[in-house]
C-alpha atoms as a PDB file:
ATOM      1  CA  UNK A   1       8.885 -18.300   2.554  1.00  0.00           C
ATOM      2  CA  UNK A   2      12.028 -17.046   0.913  1.00  0.00           C
ATOM      3  CA  UNK A   3      11.062 -16.976  -2.721  1.00  0.00           C
ATOM      4  CA  UNK A   4       9.610 -20.437  -2.573  1.00  0.00           C
ATOM      5  CA  UNK A   5      10.849 -21.856  -5.886  1.00  0.00           C
ATOM      6  CA  UNK A   6      12.369 -20.187  -8.914  1.00  0.00           C
ATOM      7  CA  UNK A   7      13.003 -23.246 -11.076  1.00  0.00           C
ATOM      8  CA  UNK A   8      15.760 -22.799 -13.624  1.00  0.00           C
ATOM      9  CA  UNK A   9      13.956 -24.480 -16.494  1.00  0.00           C
ATOM     10  CA  UNK A  10      15.292 -24.990 -19.994  1.00  0.00           C
ATOM     11  CA  UNK A  11      13.262 -22.119 -21.470  1.00  0.00           C
ATOM     12  CA  UNK A  12      12.977 -18.515 -20.370  1.00  0.00           C
ATOM     13  CA  UNK A  13       9.201 -18.846 -20.223  1.00  0.00           C
ATOM     14  CA  UNK A  14       9.310 -21.440 -17.498  1.00  0.00           C
ATOM     15  CA  UNK A  15      11.770 -19.409 -15.461  1.00  0.00           C
ATOM     16  CA  UNK A  16       9.710 -16.232 -15.809  1.00  0.00           C
ATOM     17  CA  UNK A  17       6.504 -18.011 -14.827  1.00  0.00           C
ATOM     18  CA  UNK A  18       7.908 -19.303 -11.591  1.00  0.00           C
ATOM     19  CA  UNK A  19       9.736 -16.074 -10.852  1.00  0.00           C
ATOM     20  CA  UNK A  20       6.452 -14.192 -11.075  1.00  0.00           C
ATOM     21  CA  UNK A  21       4.308 -16.663  -9.218  1.00  0.00           C
ATOM     22  CA  UNK A  22       6.698 -17.568  -6.440  1.00  0.00           C
ATOM     23  CA  UNK A  23       8.415 -14.298  -5.599  1.00  0.00           C
ATOM     24  CA  UNK A  24       6.006 -13.047  -2.969  1.00  0.00           C
ATOM     25  CA  UNK A  25       7.311 -14.460   0.286  1.00  0.00           C
ATOM     26  CA  UNK A  26      10.332 -13.484   2.374  1.00  0.00           C
ATOM     27  CA  UNK A  27      12.062 -15.359   5.171  1.00  0.00           C
ATOM     28  CA  UNK A  28      13.570 -14.662   8.547  1.00  0.00           C
ATOM     29  CA  UNK A  29      16.133 -16.758  10.353  1.00  0.00           C
ATOM     30  CA  UNK A  30      14.591 -16.024  13.746  1.00  0.00           C
ATOM     31  CA  UNK A  31      12.450 -18.983  14.877  1.00  0.00           C
ATOM     32  CA  UNK A  32      10.516 -17.160  17.571  1.00  0.00           C
ATOM     33  CA  UNK A  33       9.222 -14.050  15.817  1.00  0.00           C
ATOM     34  CA  UNK A  34       5.505 -13.311  15.424  1.00  0.00           C
ATOM     35  CA  UNK A  35       4.326 -11.399  12.378  1.00  0.00           C
ATOM     36  CA  UNK A  36       1.116  -9.415  11.923  1.00  0.00           C
ATOM     37  CA  UNK A  37      -0.324 -12.321   9.921  1.00  0.00           C
ATOM     38  CA  UNK A  38      -0.150 -14.622  12.952  1.00  0.00           C
ATOM     39  CA  UNK A  39      -1.195 -11.895  15.365  1.00  0.00           C
ATOM     40  CA  UNK A  40      -4.538 -11.190  13.661  1.00  0.00           C
ATOM     41  CA  UNK A  41      -6.943 -13.166  15.851  1.00  0.00           C
ATOM     42  CA  UNK A  42      -9.829 -12.345  13.511  1.00  0.00           C
ATOM     43  CA  UNK A  43      -8.006 -13.629  10.466  1.00  0.00           C
ATOM     44  CA  UNK A  44     -10.442 -15.924   8.586  1.00  0.00           C
ATOM     45  CA  UNK A  45      -7.515 -18.139   7.632  1.00  0.00           C
ATOM     46  CA  UNK A  46      -6.603 -18.873  11.231  1.00  0.00           C
ATOM     47  CA  UNK A  47      -9.270 -21.571  11.537  1.00  0.00           C
ATOM     48  CA  UNK A  48      -7.259 -23.908   9.334  1.00  0.00           C
ATOM     49  CA  UNK A  49      -4.570 -24.069  11.987  1.00  0.00           C
ATOM     50  CA  UNK A  50      -6.545 -23.945  15.253  1.00  0.00           C
ATOM     51  CA  UNK A  51      -6.943 -27.702  15.641  1.00  0.00           C
ATOM     52  CA  UNK A  52      -4.286 -29.810  17.410  1.00  0.00           C
ATOM     53  CA  UNK A  53      -1.337 -30.859  15.272  1.00  0.00           C
ATOM     54  CA  UNK A  54       0.444 -34.181  15.263  1.00  0.00           C
ATOM     55  CA  UNK A  55       3.916 -32.640  15.091  1.00  0.00           C
ATOM     56  CA  UNK A  56       5.832 -30.313  17.373  1.00  0.00           C
ATOM     57  CA  UNK A  57       5.103 -26.613  17.140  1.00  0.00           C
ATOM     58  CA  UNK A  58       8.698 -25.421  17.448  1.00  0.00           C
ATOM     59  CA  UNK A  59      10.274 -24.359  14.130  1.00  0.00           C
ATOM     60  CA  UNK A  60      13.388 -26.204  13.024  1.00  0.00           C
ATOM     61  CA  UNK A  61      16.731 -24.559  12.418  1.00  0.00           C
ATOM     62  CA  UNK A  62      17.818 -24.060   8.821  1.00  0.00           C
ATOM     63  CA  UNK A  63      20.607 -26.584   9.378  1.00  0.00           C
ATOM     64  CA  UNK A  64      18.176 -29.295  10.467  1.00  0.00           C
ATOM     65  CA  UNK A  65      15.890 -28.406   7.577  1.00  0.00           C
ATOM     66  CA  UNK A  66      18.763 -28.915   5.107  1.00  0.00           C
ATOM     67  CA  UNK A  67      19.144 -32.500   6.303  1.00  0.00           C
ATOM     68  CA  UNK A  68      15.591 -33.205   5.100  1.00  0.00           C
ATOM     69  CA  UNK A  69      16.082 -32.009   1.526  1.00  0.00           C
ATOM     70  CA  UNK A  70      16.125 -34.588  -1.225  1.00  0.00           C
ATOM     71  CA  UNK A  71      19.493 -35.660  -2.594  1.00  0.00           C
ATOM     72  CA  UNK A  72      20.156 -36.444  -6.240  1.00  0.00           C
ATOM     73  CA  UNK A  73      20.624 -40.078  -5.209  1.00  0.00           C
ATOM     74  CA  UNK A  74      17.020 -40.121  -3.934  1.00  0.00           C
ATOM     75  CA  UNK A  75      15.758 -39.306  -7.433  1.00  0.00           C
ATOM     76  CA  UNK A  76      17.867 -41.557  -9.621  1.00  0.00           C
ATOM     77  CA  UNK A  77      21.188 -41.751 -11.481  1.00  0.00           C
ATOM     78  CA  UNK A  78      20.065 -39.375 -14.244  1.00  0.00           C
ATOM     79  CA  UNK A  79      19.637 -36.457 -11.814  1.00  0.00           C
ATOM     80  CA  UNK A  80      22.286 -34.139 -10.464  1.00  0.00           C
ATOM     81  CA  UNK A  81      22.029 -31.413  -7.830  1.00  0.00           C
ATOM     82  CA  UNK A  82      22.414 -27.830  -9.060  1.00  0.00           C
ATOM     83  CA  UNK A  83      22.862 -24.692  -6.956  1.00  0.00           C
ATOM     84  CA  UNK A  84      19.966 -22.264  -6.824  1.00  0.00           C
ATOM     85  CA  UNK A  85      20.963 -18.667  -7.451  1.00  0.00           C
ATOM     86  CA  UNK A  86      19.449 -15.925  -5.322  1.00  0.00           C
ATOM     87  CA  UNK A  87      16.523 -13.942  -6.678  1.00  0.00           C
ATOM     88  CA  UNK A  88      15.909 -10.211  -6.758  1.00  0.00           C
ATOM     89  CA  UNK A  89      12.882  -8.830  -4.976  1.00  0.00           C
ATOM     90  CA  UNK A  90      10.168  -7.029  -6.901  1.00  0.00           C
ATOM     91  CA  UNK A  91      10.262  -3.262  -6.464  1.00  0.00           C
ATOM     92  CA  UNK A  92       6.960  -3.172  -4.577  1.00  0.00           C
ATOM     93  CA  UNK A  93       7.721  -6.371  -2.645  1.00  0.00           C
ATOM     94  CA  UNK A  94       4.565  -8.287  -3.631  1.00  0.00           C
ATOM     95  CA  UNK A  95       4.989  -8.406  -7.384  1.00  0.00           C
ATOM     96  CA  UNK A  96       2.146  -8.529  -9.899  1.00  0.00           C
ATOM     97  CA  UNK A  97      -0.233 -10.153  -7.387  1.00  0.00           C
ATOM     98  CA  UNK A  98      -0.191  -7.163  -5.026  1.00  0.00           C
ATOM     99  CA  UNK A  99      -3.955  -6.593  -5.282  1.00  0.00           C
ATOM    100  CA  UNK A 100      -4.732 -10.231  -4.513  1.00  0.00           C
ATOM    101  CA  UNK A 101      -2.506 -10.185  -1.425  1.00  0.00           C
ATOM    102  CA  UNK A 102      -4.275  -7.019  -0.269  1.00  0.00           C
ATOM    103  CA  UNK A 103      -7.543  -8.988  -0.064  1.00  0.00           C
ATOM    104  CA  UNK A 104      -5.954 -10.880   2.829  1.00  0.00           C
ATOM    105  CA  UNK A 105      -4.676  -7.713   4.474  1.00  0.00           C
ATOM    106  CA  UNK A 106      -1.101  -8.295   3.284  1.00  0.00           C
ATOM    107  CA  UNK A 107       0.591  -5.023   2.363  1.00  0.00           C
ATOM    108  CA  UNK A 108       4.181  -5.852   3.286  1.00  0.00           C
ATOM    109  CA  UNK A 109       5.941  -9.116   2.325  1.00  0.00           C
ATOM    110  CA  UNK A 110       7.444  -9.242   5.827  1.00  0.00           C
ATOM    111  CA  UNK A 111       3.988 -10.219   7.063  1.00  0.00           C
ATOM    112  CA  UNK A 112       4.578 -13.556   5.316  1.00  0.00           C
ATOM    113  CA  UNK A 113       7.997 -14.169   6.863  1.00  0.00           C
ATOM    114  CA  UNK A 114       8.694 -17.705   8.058  1.00  0.00           C
ATOM    115  CA  UNK A 115      11.342 -18.872  10.508  1.00  0.00           C
ATOM    116  CA  UNK A 116      13.592 -20.574   7.939  1.00  0.00           C
ATOM    117  CA  UNK A 117      13.617 -21.929   4.389  1.00  0.00           C
ATOM    118  CA  UNK A 118      16.131 -23.969   2.395  1.00  0.00           C
ATOM    119  CA  UNK A 119      16.107 -25.112  -1.208  1.00  0.00           C
ATOM    120  CA  UNK A 120      17.932 -27.178  -3.783  1.00  0.00           C
ATOM    121  CA  UNK A 121      17.524 -27.854  -7.502  1.00  0.00           C
ATOM    122  CA  UNK A 122      17.965 -31.030  -9.524  1.00  0.00           C
ATOM    123  CA  UNK A 123      18.722 -31.189 -13.228  1.00  0.00           C
ATOM    124  CA  UNK A 124      17.650 -33.968 -15.564  1.00  0.00           C
ATOM    125  CA  UNK A 125      19.157 -34.048 -19.045  1.00  0.00           C
ATOM    126  CA  UNK A 126      16.437 -35.084 -21.513  1.00  0.00           C
ATOM    127  CA  UNK A 127      16.989 -35.169 -25.271  1.00  0.00           C
ATOM    128  CA  UNK A 128      18.581 -31.884 -26.286  1.00  0.00           C
ATOM    129  CA  UNK A 129      17.212 -30.006 -23.292  1.00  0.00           C
ATOM    130  CA  UNK A 130      17.441 -29.808 -19.545  1.00  0.00           C
ATOM    131  CA  UNK A 131      14.589 -29.972 -17.062  1.00  0.00           C
ATOM    132  CA  UNK A 132      14.979 -28.678 -13.532  1.00  0.00           C
ATOM    133  CA  UNK A 133      13.068 -29.679 -10.429  1.00  0.00           C
ATOM    134  CA  UNK A 134      13.317 -27.403  -7.399  1.00  0.00           C
ATOM    135  CA  UNK A 135      12.555 -28.351  -3.820  1.00  0.00           C
ATOM    136  CA  UNK A 136      11.970 -25.846  -1.035  1.00  0.00           C
ATOM    137  CA  UNK A 137      11.450 -26.694   2.646  1.00  0.00           C
ATOM    138  CA  UNK A 138      10.042 -24.124   5.084  1.00  0.00           C
ATOM    139  CA  UNK A 139       9.483 -24.178   8.827  1.00  0.00           C
ATOM    140  CA  UNK A 140       7.571 -22.175  11.414  1.00  0.00           C
ATOM    141  CA  UNK A 141       4.857 -22.909  13.946  1.00  0.00           C
ATOM    142  CA  UNK A 142       2.099 -25.079  12.416  1.00  0.00           C
ATOM    143  CA  UNK A 143      -0.405 -22.232  12.778  1.00  0.00           C
ATOM    144  CA  UNK A 144       1.776 -19.683  11.014  1.00  0.00           C
ATOM    145  CA  UNK A 145       2.912 -22.079   8.298  1.00  0.00           C
ATOM    146  CA  UNK A 146      -0.672 -23.157   7.559  1.00  0.00           C
ATOM    147  CA  UNK A 147      -1.868 -19.557   7.275  1.00  0.00           C
ATOM    148  CA  UNK A 148       0.983 -18.473   4.979  1.00  0.00           C
ATOM    149  CA  UNK A 149       0.638 -21.498   2.691  1.00  0.00           C
ATOM    150  CA  UNK A 150      -3.108 -20.924   2.335  1.00  0.00           C
ATOM    151  CA  UNK A 151      -2.673 -17.241   1.501  1.00  0.00           C
ATOM    152  CA  UNK A 152       0.172 -17.975  -0.894  1.00  0.00           C
ATOM    153  CA  UNK A 153      -1.596 -20.645  -2.951  1.00  0.00           C
ATOM    154  CA  UNK A 154      -5.006 -18.927  -2.868  1.00  0.00           C
ATOM    155  CA  UNK A 155      -3.411 -15.758  -4.232  1.00  0.00           C
ATOM    156  CA  UNK A 156      -1.502 -17.554  -6.966  1.00  0.00           C
ATOM    157  CA  UNK A 157      -4.557 -19.458  -8.168  1.00  0.00           C
ATOM    158  CA  UNK A 158      -6.481 -16.192  -8.648  1.00  0.00           C
ATOM    159  CA  UNK A 159      -3.697 -13.915  -9.903  1.00  0.00           C
ATOM    160  CA  UNK A 160      -3.451 -13.550 -13.635  1.00  0.00           C
ATOM    161  CA  UNK A 161      -3.270 -13.789 -16.510  1.00  0.00           C
ATOM    162  CA  UNK A 162       0.143 -12.152 -16.323  1.00  0.00           C
ATOM    163  CA  UNK A 163       2.471 -10.860 -18.998  1.00  0.00           C
ATOM    164  CA  UNK A 164       6.259 -10.909 -19.009  1.00  0.00           C
ATOM    165  CA  UNK A 165       8.568  -9.014 -21.357  1.00  0.00           C
ATOM    166  CA  UNK A 166      10.278 -10.867 -24.150  1.00  0.00           C
ATOM    167  CA  UNK A 167      13.646 -12.432 -23.509  1.00  0.00           C
ATOM    168  CA  UNK A 168      16.096 -10.529 -25.766  1.00  0.00           C
ATOM    169  CA  UNK A 169      16.677 -12.381 -29.009  1.00  0.00           C
ATOM    170  CA  UNK A 170      14.632 -15.458 -28.121  1.00  0.00           C
ATOM    171  CA  UNK A 171      10.910 -15.014 -27.510  1.00  0.00           C
ATOM    172  CA  UNK A 172       8.063 -12.626 -28.056  1.00  0.00           C
ATOM    173  CA  UNK A 173       5.866 -11.425 -25.196  1.00  0.00           C
ATOM    174  CA  UNK A 174       5.168 -14.191 -22.689  1.00  0.00           C
ATOM    175  CA  UNK A 175       1.636 -14.704 -21.354  1.00  0.00           C
ATOM    176  CA  UNK A 176       1.291 -16.615 -18.094  1.00  0.00           C
ATOM    177  CA  UNK A 177      -1.898 -18.344 -16.936  1.00  0.00           C
ATOM    178  CA  UNK A 178      -2.033 -19.746 -13.381  1.00  0.00           C
ATOM    179  CA  UNK A 179      -4.736 -22.109 -12.146  1.00  0.00           C
ATOM    180  CA  UNK A 180      -5.408 -24.715  -9.501  1.00  0.00           C
ATOM    181  CA  UNK A 181      -4.325 -28.255 -10.352  1.00  0.00           C
ATOM    182  CA  UNK A 182      -5.503 -31.660  -9.082  1.00  0.00           C
ATOM    183  CA  UNK A 183      -4.048 -32.512  -5.691  1.00  0.00           C
ATOM    184  CA  UNK A 184      -1.875 -35.586  -5.164  1.00  0.00           C
ATOM    185  CA  UNK A 185      -4.082 -38.672  -5.055  1.00  0.00           C
ATOM    186  CA  UNK A 186      -2.503 -39.665  -1.744  1.00  0.00           C
ATOM    187  CA  UNK A 187      -3.031 -37.361   1.231  1.00  0.00           C
ATOM    188  CA  UNK A 188       0.541 -36.466   2.087  1.00  0.00           C
ATOM    189  CA  UNK A 189       0.061 -33.929   4.880  1.00  0.00           C
ATOM    190  CA  UNK A 190      -2.375 -31.838   6.848  1.00  0.00           C
ATOM    191  CA  UNK A 191      -2.806 -29.419   3.964  1.00  0.00           C
ATOM    192  CA  UNK A 192      -1.795 -29.735   0.341  1.00  0.00           C
ATOM    193  CA  UNK A 193      -2.050 -27.403  -2.639  1.00  0.00           C
ATOM    194  CA  UNK A 194      -1.279 -27.576  -6.332  1.00  0.00           C
ATOM    195  CA  UNK A 195      -1.137 -25.011  -9.138  1.00  0.00           C
ATOM    196  CA  UNK A 196      -0.056 -25.071 -12.775  1.00  0.00           C
ATOM    197  CA  UNK A 197       1.541 -22.110 -14.503  1.00  0.00           C
ATOM    198  CA  UNK A 198       1.324 -22.186 -18.308  1.00  0.00           C
ATOM    199  CA  UNK A 199       3.650 -19.857 -20.200  1.00  0.00           C
ATOM    200  CA  UNK A 200       2.826 -19.123 -23.846  1.00  0.00           C
ATOM    201  CA  UNK A 201       4.973 -17.300 -26.402  1.00  0.00           C
ATOM    202  CA  UNK A 202       4.887 -17.226 -30.194  1.00  0.00           C
ATOM    203  CA  UNK A 203       3.299 -20.590 -31.049  1.00  0.00           C
ATOM    204  CA  UNK A 204       4.775 -22.480 -28.099  1.00  0.00           C
ATOM    205  CA  UNK A 205       3.773 -23.111 -24.491  1.00  0.00           C
ATOM    206  CA  UNK A 206       5.231 -24.730 -21.392  1.00  0.00           C
ATOM    207  CA  UNK A 207       3.550 -25.880 -18.178  1.00  0.00           C
ATOM    208  CA  UNK A 208       5.183 -25.719 -14.768  1.00  0.00           C
ATOM    209  CA  UNK A 209       3.585 -27.336 -11.726  1.00  0.00           C
ATOM    210  CA  UNK A 210       3.979 -26.374  -8.078  1.00  0.00           C
ATOM    211  CA  UNK A 211       2.770 -28.622  -5.250  1.00  0.00           C
ATOM    212  CA  UNK A 212       2.920 -27.567  -1.603  1.00  0.00           C
ATOM    213  CA  UNK A 213       2.346 -29.849   1.382  1.00  0.00           C
ATOM    214  CA  UNK A 214       2.334 -28.806   5.039  1.00  0.00           C
ATOM    215  CA  UNK A 215       2.724 -31.369   7.776  1.00  0.00           C
ATOM    216  CA  UNK A 216       3.115 -29.979  11.275  1.00  0.00           C
ATOM    217  CA  UNK A 217       5.912 -27.419  11.393  1.00  0.00           C
ATOM    218  CA  UNK A 218       7.460 -28.279   7.999  1.00  0.00           C
ATOM    219  CA  UNK A 219       6.252 -27.348   4.522  1.00  0.00           C
ATOM    220  CA  UNK A 220       7.478 -28.954   1.299  1.00  0.00           C
ATOM    221  CA  UNK A 221       7.202 -27.337  -2.133  1.00  0.00           C
ATOM    222  CA  UNK A 222       8.244 -28.911  -5.441  1.00  0.00           C
ATOM    223  CA  UNK A 223       8.290 -26.881  -8.648  1.00  0.00           C
ATOM    224  CA  UNK A 224       9.081 -28.082 -12.152  1.00  0.00           C
ATOM    225  CA  UNK A 225       7.670 -30.024 -15.119  1.00  0.00           C
ATOM    226  CA  UNK A 226       4.355 -31.608 -14.029  1.00  0.00           C
ATOM    227  CA  UNK A 227       5.493 -35.216 -14.502  1.00  0.00           C
ATOM    228  CA  UNK A 228       8.662 -34.656 -12.465  1.00  0.00           C
ATOM    229  CA  UNK A 229       6.711 -33.042  -9.643  1.00  0.00           C
ATOM    230  CA  UNK A 230       4.072 -35.793  -9.606  1.00  0.00           C
ATOM    231  CA  UNK A 231       6.735 -38.516  -9.558  1.00  0.00           C
ATOM    232  CA  UNK A 232       8.689 -37.044  -6.673  1.00  0.00           C
ATOM    233  CA  UNK A 233       6.344 -35.145  -4.333  1.00  0.00           C
ATOM    234  CA  UNK A 234       5.559 -38.160  -2.101  1.00  0.00           C
ATOM    235  CA  UNK A 235       9.279 -38.959  -1.816  1.00  0.00           C
ATOM    236  CA  UNK A 236      10.085 -35.341  -0.911  1.00  0.00           C
ATOM    237  CA  UNK A 237       7.390 -35.129   1.771  1.00  0.00           C
ATOM    238  CA  UNK A 238       8.410 -38.472   3.280  1.00  0.00           C
ATOM    239  CA  UNK A 239      12.007 -37.292   3.669  1.00  0.00           C
ATOM    240  CA  UNK A 240      10.863 -33.937   5.064  1.00  0.00           C
ATOM    241  CA  UNK A 241       9.068 -35.815   7.850  1.00  0.00           C
ATOM    242  CA  UNK A 242      12.233 -37.610   8.979  1.00  0.00           C
ATOM    243  CA  UNK A 243      12.889 -36.991  12.675  1.00  0.00           C
ATOM    244  CA  UNK A 244       9.334 -35.994  13.548  1.00  0.00           C
END
């Protein structure tokens, strides 16, 4: 998963929270590679993906994946698409959750590589601020995608609390709490996950929600303000399934 979702939110705290929680995974553009994660036959996570799947096992190309991203017109007239800048990798590759990844035998972020990933952000002007919703679509074989999503969300829900340095001239030290969140009430895919990251600084706080849904060989992740994610996750997953 290439950095599954750094949302450019209106405050530095929101951006830092997602940067820390969603910086662990890398991506490859080769659809037929096999990483050590998939090769471990004794991997306790493999059981989640052993059953037959309703969708094809062949990963999509990045170009085909792009066609399944939401468009601003899918969300409403108040939204506009915004480019998503590239992110820098952590020095050790697995960021502040390195110990938690090690529990699953992950020592190198390349073990979490997926065949392809695409993303797009959407801005909504509200009051005197700006909220940003980010969508990320990933593809690989159903077995590999299921294993990586499970590791990713299990690690994030147990990693923390985290601390981020102050943004120069704006905030004091930022404390970040990450925990599991209620799943969508409707079952949208074969697996679904949800976490909330709460960033606190000075006397303020901000919550950012991330929901991930895997259906066959495509995974959908939305990150942003909880209400925006809840309102749009079903729409995003439905469009991601187009062509299956």
